Amino acid sequence: MSEIFLVAAVARNGIIGADNDMPWHISSDLKHFKALTAGTPMIMGRRTFQSLPGILPGRPHIVITRDPEFQAEGATVVGSLEVGLELAERLAGDLGSDGVAIIGGGQIYTMGLSLADRLEITEVQADPEGDAHFPEIDPSIWQEVSRVSGERSERDSAGFEFVTYRRRAA
C-alpha cells in the first residue's frame, strides 16, 4: 500500500488560494513541490488542474470532478477520490513509487486528510485574502516531525518554512 501524502502551501490564516491561483509567488516552494512529487502519481481537483501551467512532467495526473463531460488532455479524469486513489495505487506500483500525492484544492484536501499518512506543508508567512482554505491540522492526530526554515530569495514574495507532519499512532 502506498503512503498517501498531502502537499500544500498554507498561509498563516489557512488560505491556500485566491481566484484559482496562489496569492503569493515562492519559487523555492515550487522546487520543493517538484522534488516531493517527482515520479509520484498526483491527485487533484479540476480547478487545481486548470490552474497548472500544463502537465507537470514525470508524474501522472489524476483529476477528480463531478462533471462527466470534463476532459483533461494528458491526465486521467475520475469521479471520486476513492477511484482516484485506486488508480494512483496501481500507477505508483508501475512507477516503483511508494507514495501518492494529493495536491489540492481545498475540497480534495478536506476529503484526503482523513486518509493521509503524511502532510507536507509549506507554511507561508503571510495573511492573504483568498477563497480556498486548508483544513485544520489537529495536533491530537498529527505530529510535527520536521521543520526547515526556507531561504527566502528575491524571487519569493513571502517567508516560509517546510513542515512535515505524520499521523499519530491510534
N, C-alpha and C. Protein backbone atom coordinates (compact mmCIF):
# COMPACT_ATOMS: atom_id res chain seq x y z
N MET A 1 0.85 -1.19 0.00
CA MET A 1 0.00 0.00 0.00
C MET A 1 0.89 1.24 0.00
N SER A 2 0.62 2.13 -0.90
CA SER A 2 1.41 3.37 -1.00
C SER A 2 1.08 4.31 0.15
N GLU A 3 2.06 5.10 0.52
CA GLU A 3 1.84 6.16 1.50
C GLU A 3 1.09 7.29 0.81
N ILE A 4 0.01 7.75 1.43
CA ILE A 4 -0.75 8.88 0.90
C ILE A 4 -0.27 10.13 1.62
N PHE A 5 0.12 11.14 0.83
CA PHE A 5 0.54 12.39 1.47
C PHE A 5 -0.07 13.59 0.76
N LEU A 6 -0.38 14.61 1.57
CA LEU A 6 -0.92 15.86 1.06
C LEU A 6 0.22 16.85 0.94
N VAL A 7 0.26 17.59 -0.15
CA VAL A 7 1.26 18.63 -0.36
C VAL A 7 0.52 19.95 -0.53
N ALA A 8 0.83 20.93 0.33
CA ALA A 8 0.13 22.21 0.25
C ALA A 8 1.01 23.34 0.76
N ALA A 9 0.80 24.51 0.19
CA ALA A 9 1.36 25.75 0.73
C ALA A 9 0.20 26.45 1.41
N VAL A 10 0.37 26.77 2.70
CA VAL A 10 -0.72 27.28 3.51
C VAL A 10 -0.27 28.55 4.23
N ALA A 11 -1.04 29.62 4.06
CA ALA A 11 -0.74 30.86 4.76
C ALA A 11 -1.10 30.73 6.24
N ARG A 12 -0.61 31.68 7.04
CA ARG A 12 -0.90 31.65 8.48
C ARG A 12 -2.39 31.61 8.77
N ASN A 13 -3.19 32.24 7.92
CA ASN A 13 -4.63 32.29 8.12
C ASN A 13 -5.37 31.13 7.46
N GLY A 14 -4.63 30.12 6.98
CA GLY A 14 -5.24 28.93 6.40
C GLY A 14 -5.57 29.04 4.92
N ILE A 15 -5.32 30.19 4.31
CA ILE A 15 -5.61 30.38 2.89
C ILE A 15 -4.61 29.60 2.04
N ILE A 16 -5.15 28.92 0.99
CA ILE A 16 -4.29 28.23 0.04
C ILE A 16 -4.47 28.76 -1.38
N GLY A 17 -5.51 29.56 -1.60
CA GLY A 17 -5.74 30.05 -2.94
C GLY A 17 -6.70 31.22 -2.99
N ALA A 18 -6.61 31.96 -4.09
CA ALA A 18 -7.49 33.09 -4.36
C ALA A 18 -7.76 33.13 -5.86
N ASP A 19 -9.01 33.07 -6.24
CA ASP A 19 -9.38 33.11 -7.66
C ASP A 19 -8.62 32.07 -8.48
N ASN A 20 -8.55 30.84 -7.96
CA ASN A 20 -7.91 29.72 -8.64
C ASN A 20 -6.42 29.94 -8.90
N ASP A 21 -5.77 30.66 -8.01
CA ASP A 21 -4.32 30.89 -8.10
C ASP A 21 -3.78 31.00 -6.69
N MET A 22 -2.48 30.90 -6.56
CA MET A 22 -1.86 31.11 -5.25
C MET A 22 -1.68 32.61 -5.03
N PRO A 23 -1.99 33.07 -3.84
CA PRO A 23 -1.87 34.51 -3.57
C PRO A 23 -0.44 34.94 -3.20
N TRP A 24 0.54 34.20 -3.64
CA TRP A 24 1.95 34.51 -3.42
C TRP A 24 2.75 33.84 -4.52
N HIS A 25 4.00 34.20 -4.63
CA HIS A 25 4.91 33.50 -5.54
C HIS A 25 6.16 33.15 -4.74
N ILE A 26 6.38 31.86 -4.56
CA ILE A 26 7.55 31.40 -3.83
C ILE A 26 8.25 30.36 -4.70
N SER A 27 9.25 30.81 -5.42
CA SER A 27 9.99 29.95 -6.34
C SER A 27 10.57 28.73 -5.62
N SER A 28 11.08 28.95 -4.42
CA SER A 28 11.68 27.85 -3.64
C SER A 28 10.65 26.77 -3.33
N ASP A 29 9.39 27.17 -3.10
CA ASP A 29 8.34 26.20 -2.80
C ASP A 29 8.01 25.38 -4.05
N LEU A 30 8.05 26.00 -5.22
CA LEU A 30 7.79 25.26 -6.45
C LEU A 30 8.85 24.18 -6.66
N LYS A 31 10.09 24.49 -6.34
CA LYS A 31 11.16 23.49 -6.44
C LYS A 31 10.95 22.36 -5.43
N HIS A 32 10.53 22.74 -4.22
CA HIS A 32 10.24 21.76 -3.16
C HIS A 32 9.10 20.84 -3.60
N PHE A 33 8.05 21.42 -4.16
CA PHE A 33 6.91 20.66 -4.65
C PHE A 33 7.36 19.66 -5.72
N LYS A 34 8.19 20.12 -6.63
CA LYS A 34 8.68 19.25 -7.71
C LYS A 34 9.45 18.06 -7.13
N ALA A 35 10.31 18.33 -6.14
CA ALA A 35 11.10 17.26 -5.52
C ALA A 35 10.20 16.26 -4.80
N LEU A 36 9.17 16.75 -4.11
CA LEU A 36 8.27 15.86 -3.36
C LEU A 36 7.43 14.98 -4.28
N THR A 37 7.05 15.50 -5.44
CA THR A 37 6.10 14.78 -6.29
C THR A 37 6.72 14.07 -7.48
N ALA A 38 8.00 14.26 -7.74
CA ALA A 38 8.65 13.63 -8.90
C ALA A 38 8.46 12.12 -8.85
N GLY A 39 8.00 11.55 -9.96
CA GLY A 39 7.84 10.10 -10.06
C GLY A 39 6.68 9.55 -9.27
N THR A 40 5.77 10.42 -8.82
CA THR A 40 4.67 10.03 -7.95
C THR A 40 3.34 10.43 -8.58
N PRO A 41 2.35 9.55 -8.58
CA PRO A 41 1.03 9.95 -9.06
C PRO A 41 0.48 11.10 -8.20
N MET A 42 -0.16 12.07 -8.87
CA MET A 42 -0.74 13.22 -8.18
C MET A 42 -2.24 13.24 -8.40
N ILE A 43 -2.98 13.41 -7.32
CA ILE A 43 -4.44 13.52 -7.37
C ILE A 43 -4.80 14.96 -7.07
N MET A 44 -5.73 15.51 -7.89
CA MET A 44 -6.12 16.91 -7.69
C MET A 44 -7.55 17.11 -8.18
N GLY A 45 -8.13 18.20 -7.73
CA GLY A 45 -9.44 18.59 -8.24
C GLY A 45 -9.32 19.28 -9.59
N ARG A 46 -10.46 19.46 -10.23
CA ARG A 46 -10.50 20.06 -11.57
C ARG A 46 -9.92 21.47 -11.57
N ARG A 47 -10.31 22.29 -10.61
CA ARG A 47 -9.81 23.68 -10.61
C ARG A 47 -8.31 23.73 -10.36
N THR A 48 -7.79 22.86 -9.52
CA THR A 48 -6.34 22.80 -9.32
C THR A 48 -5.66 22.42 -10.62
N PHE A 49 -6.20 21.41 -11.30
CA PHE A 49 -5.62 21.01 -12.58
C PHE A 49 -5.62 22.18 -13.56
N GLN A 50 -6.73 22.89 -13.63
CA GLN A 50 -6.83 24.01 -14.57
C GLN A 50 -5.90 25.16 -14.21
N SER A 51 -5.46 25.23 -12.96
CA SER A 51 -4.54 26.30 -12.54
C SER A 51 -3.09 25.98 -12.87
N LEU A 52 -2.79 24.73 -13.20
CA LEU A 52 -1.41 24.36 -13.53
C LEU A 52 -1.00 24.97 -14.87
N PRO A 53 0.29 25.19 -15.05
CA PRO A 53 0.75 25.74 -16.33
C PRO A 53 0.69 24.73 -17.47
N GLY A 54 0.37 23.50 -17.16
CA GLY A 54 0.30 22.41 -18.12
C GLY A 54 0.57 21.12 -17.38
N ILE A 55 0.73 20.04 -18.11
CA ILE A 55 1.05 18.76 -17.47
C ILE A 55 2.48 18.85 -16.92
N LEU A 56 2.61 18.54 -15.64
CA LEU A 56 3.93 18.57 -14.99
C LEU A 56 4.63 17.26 -15.32
N PRO A 57 5.82 17.31 -15.90
CA PRO A 57 6.47 16.09 -16.37
C PRO A 57 6.86 15.13 -15.24
N GLY A 58 6.84 13.84 -15.57
CA GLY A 58 7.37 12.83 -14.67
C GLY A 58 6.44 12.42 -13.56
N ARG A 59 5.16 12.75 -13.65
CA ARG A 59 4.21 12.33 -12.62
C ARG A 59 2.80 12.29 -13.21
N PRO A 60 2.15 11.13 -13.12
CA PRO A 60 0.78 11.03 -13.64
C PRO A 60 -0.17 11.98 -12.91
N HIS A 61 -1.09 12.57 -13.67
CA HIS A 61 -2.08 13.49 -13.14
C HIS A 61 -3.44 12.80 -13.13
N ILE A 62 -4.09 12.77 -11.97
CA ILE A 62 -5.43 12.22 -11.82
C ILE A 62 -6.31 13.36 -11.35
N VAL A 63 -7.34 13.66 -12.14
CA VAL A 63 -8.21 14.81 -11.87
C VAL A 63 -9.58 14.30 -11.42
N ILE A 64 -10.03 14.81 -10.26
CA ILE A 64 -11.34 14.45 -9.73
C ILE A 64 -12.32 15.56 -10.08
N THR A 65 -13.46 15.17 -10.67
CA THR A 65 -14.50 16.14 -10.96
C THR A 65 -15.85 15.45 -10.97
N ARG A 66 -16.89 16.21 -10.65
CA ARG A 66 -18.26 15.71 -10.73
C ARG A 66 -18.83 15.92 -12.14
N ASP A 67 -18.08 16.62 -12.99
CA ASP A 67 -18.54 16.92 -14.35
C ASP A 67 -18.18 15.77 -15.27
N PRO A 68 -19.17 14.97 -15.70
CA PRO A 68 -18.87 13.80 -16.54
C PRO A 68 -18.37 14.18 -17.93
N GLU A 69 -18.55 15.42 -18.34
CA GLU A 69 -18.11 15.88 -19.66
C GLU A 69 -16.67 16.39 -19.65
N PHE A 70 -16.12 16.62 -18.46
CA PHE A 70 -14.79 17.24 -18.38
C PHE A 70 -13.73 16.30 -18.93
N GLN A 71 -12.85 16.85 -19.76
CA GLN A 71 -11.72 16.10 -20.29
C GLN A 71 -10.45 16.89 -19.99
N ALA A 72 -9.38 16.18 -19.69
CA ALA A 72 -8.11 16.81 -19.36
C ALA A 72 -7.02 16.12 -20.16
N GLU A 73 -6.57 16.78 -21.21
CA GLU A 73 -5.53 16.18 -22.05
C GLU A 73 -4.27 15.92 -21.24
N GLY A 74 -3.78 14.68 -21.30
CA GLY A 74 -2.57 14.32 -20.58
C GLY A 74 -2.82 13.84 -19.17
N ALA A 75 -4.09 13.85 -18.73
CA ALA A 75 -4.45 13.42 -17.38
C ALA A 75 -5.58 12.40 -17.47
N THR A 76 -5.81 11.70 -16.37
CA THR A 76 -6.93 10.78 -16.26
C THR A 76 -7.99 11.42 -15.38
N VAL A 77 -9.22 11.44 -15.85
CA VAL A 77 -10.32 12.06 -15.11
C VAL A 77 -11.14 10.97 -14.43
N VAL A 78 -11.42 11.17 -13.14
CA VAL A 78 -12.23 10.23 -12.36
C VAL A 78 -13.32 11.00 -11.62
N GLY A 79 -14.31 10.28 -11.13
CA GLY A 79 -15.44 10.92 -10.48
C GLY A 79 -15.37 11.00 -8.97
N SER A 80 -14.37 10.36 -8.35
CA SER A 80 -14.30 10.38 -6.88
C SER A 80 -12.86 10.20 -6.40
N LEU A 81 -12.63 10.60 -5.17
CA LEU A 81 -11.31 10.41 -4.57
C LEU A 81 -10.99 8.93 -4.44
N GLU A 82 -11.99 8.12 -4.09
CA GLU A 82 -11.76 6.68 -3.92
C GLU A 82 -11.26 6.05 -5.23
N VAL A 83 -11.91 6.38 -6.34
CA VAL A 83 -11.49 5.84 -7.64
C VAL A 83 -10.11 6.38 -7.99
N GLY A 84 -9.87 7.66 -7.69
CA GLY A 84 -8.56 8.26 -7.95
C GLY A 84 -7.45 7.57 -7.17
N LEU A 85 -7.73 7.23 -5.90
CA LEU A 85 -6.72 6.55 -5.08
C LEU A 85 -6.44 5.14 -5.59
N GLU A 86 -7.47 4.42 -6.03
CA GLU A 86 -7.26 3.09 -6.59
C GLU A 86 -6.35 3.16 -7.82
N LEU A 87 -6.64 4.11 -8.70
CA LEU A 87 -5.83 4.28 -9.90
C LEU A 87 -4.40 4.70 -9.51
N ALA A 88 -4.28 5.65 -8.61
CA ALA A 88 -2.96 6.13 -8.19
C ALA A 88 -2.13 5.01 -7.59
N GLU A 89 -2.76 4.13 -6.83
CA GLU A 89 -2.06 2.99 -6.22
C GLU A 89 -1.46 2.11 -7.31
N ARG A 90 -2.25 1.82 -8.34
CA ARG A 90 -1.74 1.00 -9.45
C ARG A 90 -0.61 1.71 -10.18
N LEU A 91 -0.79 2.99 -10.45
CA LEU A 91 0.26 3.75 -11.15
C LEU A 91 1.54 3.84 -10.32
N ALA A 92 1.39 4.00 -9.00
CA ALA A 92 2.57 4.06 -8.13
C ALA A 92 3.35 2.76 -8.24
N GLY A 93 2.63 1.64 -8.24
CA GLY A 93 3.30 0.34 -8.38
C GLY A 93 4.04 0.24 -9.70
N ASP A 94 3.39 0.69 -10.79
CA ASP A 94 4.03 0.66 -12.11
C ASP A 94 5.28 1.53 -12.15
N LEU A 95 5.25 2.65 -11.42
CA LEU A 95 6.37 3.59 -11.42
C LEU A 95 7.47 3.22 -10.42
N GLY A 96 7.17 2.26 -9.55
CA GLY A 96 8.12 1.93 -8.49
C GLY A 96 8.13 2.99 -7.41
N SER A 97 7.03 3.72 -7.27
CA SER A 97 6.90 4.77 -6.25
C SER A 97 6.21 4.19 -5.03
N ASP A 98 6.58 4.68 -3.86
CA ASP A 98 5.91 4.21 -2.64
C ASP A 98 4.93 5.25 -2.11
N GLY A 99 4.60 6.26 -2.95
CA GLY A 99 3.71 7.31 -2.48
C GLY A 99 2.70 7.75 -3.52
N VAL A 100 1.64 8.38 -3.00
CA VAL A 100 0.60 9.01 -3.80
C VAL A 100 0.40 10.41 -3.21
N ALA A 101 0.51 11.44 -4.06
CA ALA A 101 0.39 12.81 -3.59
C ALA A 101 -0.99 13.38 -3.90
N ILE A 102 -1.60 13.98 -2.91
CA ILE A 102 -2.84 14.74 -3.10
C ILE A 102 -2.43 16.21 -3.06
N ILE A 103 -2.72 16.95 -4.16
CA ILE A 103 -2.15 18.29 -4.28
C ILE A 103 -3.20 19.41 -4.32
N GLY A 104 -4.44 19.10 -3.98
CA GLY A 104 -5.43 20.18 -3.87
C GLY A 104 -6.62 19.99 -4.77
N GLY A 105 -7.51 20.88 -4.63
CA GLY A 105 -7.59 22.05 -3.77
C GLY A 105 -8.28 21.77 -2.46
N GLY A 106 -8.94 22.80 -1.93
CA GLY A 106 -9.50 22.75 -0.59
C GLY A 106 -10.42 21.58 -0.33
N GLN A 107 -11.37 21.32 -1.23
CA GLN A 107 -12.30 20.20 -1.04
C GLN A 107 -11.58 18.86 -1.07
N ILE A 108 -10.63 18.73 -1.97
CA ILE A 108 -9.89 17.47 -2.10
C ILE A 108 -9.01 17.26 -0.86
N TYR A 109 -8.38 18.33 -0.36
CA TYR A 109 -7.60 18.21 0.87
C TYR A 109 -8.50 17.77 2.03
N THR A 110 -9.69 18.36 2.14
CA THR A 110 -10.59 18.01 3.23
C THR A 110 -10.96 16.53 3.16
N MET A 111 -11.25 16.03 1.95
CA MET A 111 -11.58 14.61 1.80
C MET A 111 -10.36 13.73 2.07
N GLY A 112 -9.18 14.16 1.63
CA GLY A 112 -7.98 13.34 1.74
C GLY A 112 -7.33 13.33 3.10
N LEU A 113 -7.62 14.34 3.92
CA LEU A 113 -6.95 14.47 5.22
C LEU A 113 -7.14 13.23 6.09
N SER A 114 -8.34 12.67 6.08
CA SER A 114 -8.60 11.50 6.94
C SER A 114 -7.93 10.24 6.42
N LEU A 115 -7.47 10.25 5.17
CA LEU A 115 -6.84 9.08 4.56
C LEU A 115 -5.32 9.18 4.53
N ALA A 116 -4.81 10.37 4.77
CA ALA A 116 -3.37 10.63 4.60
C ALA A 116 -2.54 10.05 5.73
N ASP A 117 -1.30 9.69 5.36
CA ASP A 117 -0.32 9.22 6.34
C ASP A 117 0.63 10.35 6.73
N ARG A 118 0.77 11.33 5.80
CA ARG A 118 1.77 12.38 6.00
C ARG A 118 1.25 13.66 5.36
N LEU A 119 1.66 14.80 5.93
CA LEU A 119 1.37 16.12 5.37
C LEU A 119 2.68 16.82 5.10
N GLU A 120 2.83 17.36 3.91
CA GLU A 120 4.00 18.17 3.54
C GLU A 120 3.48 19.59 3.33
N ILE A 121 3.66 20.42 4.34
CA ILE A 121 3.08 21.75 4.35
C ILE A 121 4.18 22.81 4.26
N THR A 122 4.03 23.70 3.29
CA THR A 122 4.87 24.89 3.27
C THR A 122 4.07 25.96 4.01
N GLU A 123 4.55 26.34 5.19
CA GLU A 123 3.88 27.39 5.96
C GLU A 123 4.36 28.73 5.41
N VAL A 124 3.43 29.46 4.81
CA VAL A 124 3.74 30.75 4.19
C VAL A 124 3.49 31.85 5.21
N GLN A 125 4.51 32.67 5.43
CA GLN A 125 4.42 33.73 6.43
C GLN A 125 3.75 34.95 5.82
N ALA A 126 2.44 34.80 5.60
CA ALA A 126 1.62 35.86 5.03
C ALA A 126 0.17 35.60 5.45
N ASP A 127 -0.66 36.63 5.35
CA ASP A 127 -2.09 36.53 5.67
C ASP A 127 -2.92 37.10 4.52
N PRO A 128 -2.86 36.43 3.35
CA PRO A 128 -3.56 36.97 2.19
C PRO A 128 -5.07 36.74 2.26
N GLU A 129 -5.79 37.48 1.45
CA GLU A 129 -7.21 37.20 1.26
C GLU A 129 -7.29 36.05 0.28
N GLY A 130 -8.34 35.25 0.38
CA GLY A 130 -8.48 34.14 -0.53
C GLY A 130 -9.81 33.45 -0.37
N ASP A 131 -10.07 32.49 -1.26
CA ASP A 131 -11.35 31.79 -1.25
C ASP A 131 -11.19 30.28 -1.09
N ALA A 132 -9.97 29.80 -0.93
CA ALA A 132 -9.73 28.37 -0.70
C ALA A 132 -8.90 28.21 0.57
N HIS A 133 -9.31 27.26 1.40
CA HIS A 133 -8.68 27.06 2.71
C HIS A 133 -8.18 25.63 2.85
N PHE A 134 -7.13 25.46 3.64
CA PHE A 134 -6.66 24.13 4.02
C PHE A 134 -7.39 23.76 5.30
N PRO A 135 -7.79 22.49 5.45
CA PRO A 135 -8.45 22.09 6.69
C PRO A 135 -7.51 22.21 7.90
N GLU A 136 -8.10 22.34 9.06
CA GLU A 136 -7.29 22.47 10.28
C GLU A 136 -6.47 21.21 10.51
N ILE A 137 -5.21 21.41 10.92
CA ILE A 137 -4.32 20.30 11.25
C ILE A 137 -4.43 20.08 12.76
N ASP A 138 -5.13 19.03 13.14
CA ASP A 138 -5.41 18.74 14.54
C ASP A 138 -4.18 18.11 15.19
N PRO A 139 -3.58 18.79 16.20
CA PRO A 139 -2.36 18.25 16.83
C PRO A 139 -2.59 16.94 17.60
N SER A 140 -3.84 16.59 17.88
CA SER A 140 -4.08 15.30 18.53
C SER A 140 -4.00 14.16 17.51
N ILE A 141 -4.07 14.50 16.22
CA ILE A 141 -3.99 13.50 15.15
C ILE A 141 -2.64 13.55 14.45
N TRP A 142 -2.10 14.78 14.29
CA TRP A 142 -0.88 14.99 13.51
C TRP A 142 0.26 15.45 14.39
N GLN A 143 1.41 14.81 14.21
CA GLN A 143 2.62 15.19 14.95
C GLN A 143 3.62 15.81 13.98
N GLU A 144 4.09 17.00 14.33
CA GLU A 144 5.14 17.63 13.53
C GLU A 144 6.43 16.85 13.73
N VAL A 145 7.05 16.41 12.62
CA VAL A 145 8.27 15.62 12.72
C VAL A 145 9.47 16.33 12.11
N SER A 146 9.22 17.39 11.36
CA SER A 146 10.32 18.12 10.73
C SER A 146 9.88 19.53 10.41
N ARG A 147 10.80 20.49 10.61
CA ARG A 147 10.55 21.89 10.27
C ARG A 147 11.87 22.47 9.78
N VAL A 148 11.86 22.96 8.55
CA VAL A 148 13.06 23.54 7.96
C VAL A 148 12.73 24.95 7.49
N SER A 149 13.47 25.92 7.98
CA SER A 149 13.25 27.30 7.53
C SER A 149 13.68 27.43 6.08
N GLY A 150 12.82 28.02 5.29
CA GLY A 150 13.14 28.25 3.89
C GLY A 150 14.06 29.44 3.74
N GLU A 151 14.92 29.38 2.77
CA GLU A 151 15.81 30.51 2.50
C GLU A 151 15.13 31.38 1.46
N ARG A 152 14.63 32.51 1.91
CA ARG A 152 13.88 33.41 1.03
C ARG A 152 14.83 34.11 0.08
N SER A 153 14.48 34.03 -1.21
CA SER A 153 15.27 34.71 -2.23
C SER A 153 14.50 35.93 -2.73
N GLU A 154 15.13 36.66 -3.60
CA GLU A 154 14.46 37.85 -4.16
C GLU A 154 13.26 37.44 -5.03
N ARG A 155 13.17 36.17 -5.39
CA ARG A 155 12.05 35.69 -6.20
C ARG A 155 10.87 35.21 -5.35
N ASP A 156 11.01 35.28 -4.04
CA ASP A 156 9.96 34.81 -3.13
C ASP A 156 9.21 36.00 -2.54
N SER A 157 7.88 35.98 -2.63
CA SER A 157 7.08 37.11 -2.15
C SER A 157 6.77 37.03 -0.66
N ALA A 158 7.16 35.95 0.01
CA ALA A 158 6.92 35.80 1.45
C ALA A 158 7.94 34.83 2.02
N GLY A 159 8.14 34.91 3.33
CA GLY A 159 8.96 33.93 4.01
C GLY A 159 8.18 32.62 4.15
N PHE A 160 8.88 31.53 4.47
CA PHE A 160 8.21 30.23 4.51
C PHE A 160 9.05 29.23 5.28
N GLU A 161 8.38 28.16 5.72
CA GLU A 161 9.03 27.02 6.34
C GLU A 161 8.41 25.75 5.78
N PHE A 162 9.23 24.73 5.59
CA PHE A 162 8.76 23.42 5.13
C PHE A 162 8.52 22.56 6.37
N VAL A 163 7.28 22.10 6.56
CA VAL A 163 6.92 21.35 7.76
C VAL A 163 6.33 20.00 7.34
N THR A 164 6.81 18.93 7.98
CA THR A 164 6.28 17.60 7.74
C THR A 164 5.56 17.13 8.99
N TYR A 165 4.36 16.61 8.78
CA TYR A 165 3.55 16.02 9.86
C TYR A 165 3.33 14.54 9.53
N ARG A 166 3.31 13.73 10.57
CA ARG A 166 2.94 12.32 10.43
C ARG A 166 1.73 12.05 11.31
N ARG A 167 0.89 11.16 10.82
CA ARG A 167 -0.28 10.77 11.60
C ARG A 167 0.19 10.07 12.87
N ARG A 168 -0.37 10.45 14.00
CA ARG A 168 -0.03 9.82 15.27
C ARG A 168 -0.60 8.39 15.30
N ALA A 169 0.07 7.51 16.00
CA ALA A 169 -0.43 6.14 16.15
C ALA A 169 -1.73 6.17 16.92
N ALA A 170 -2.66 5.34 16.50
CA ALA A 170 -4.00 5.33 17.14
C ALA A 170 -3.94 4.73 18.53
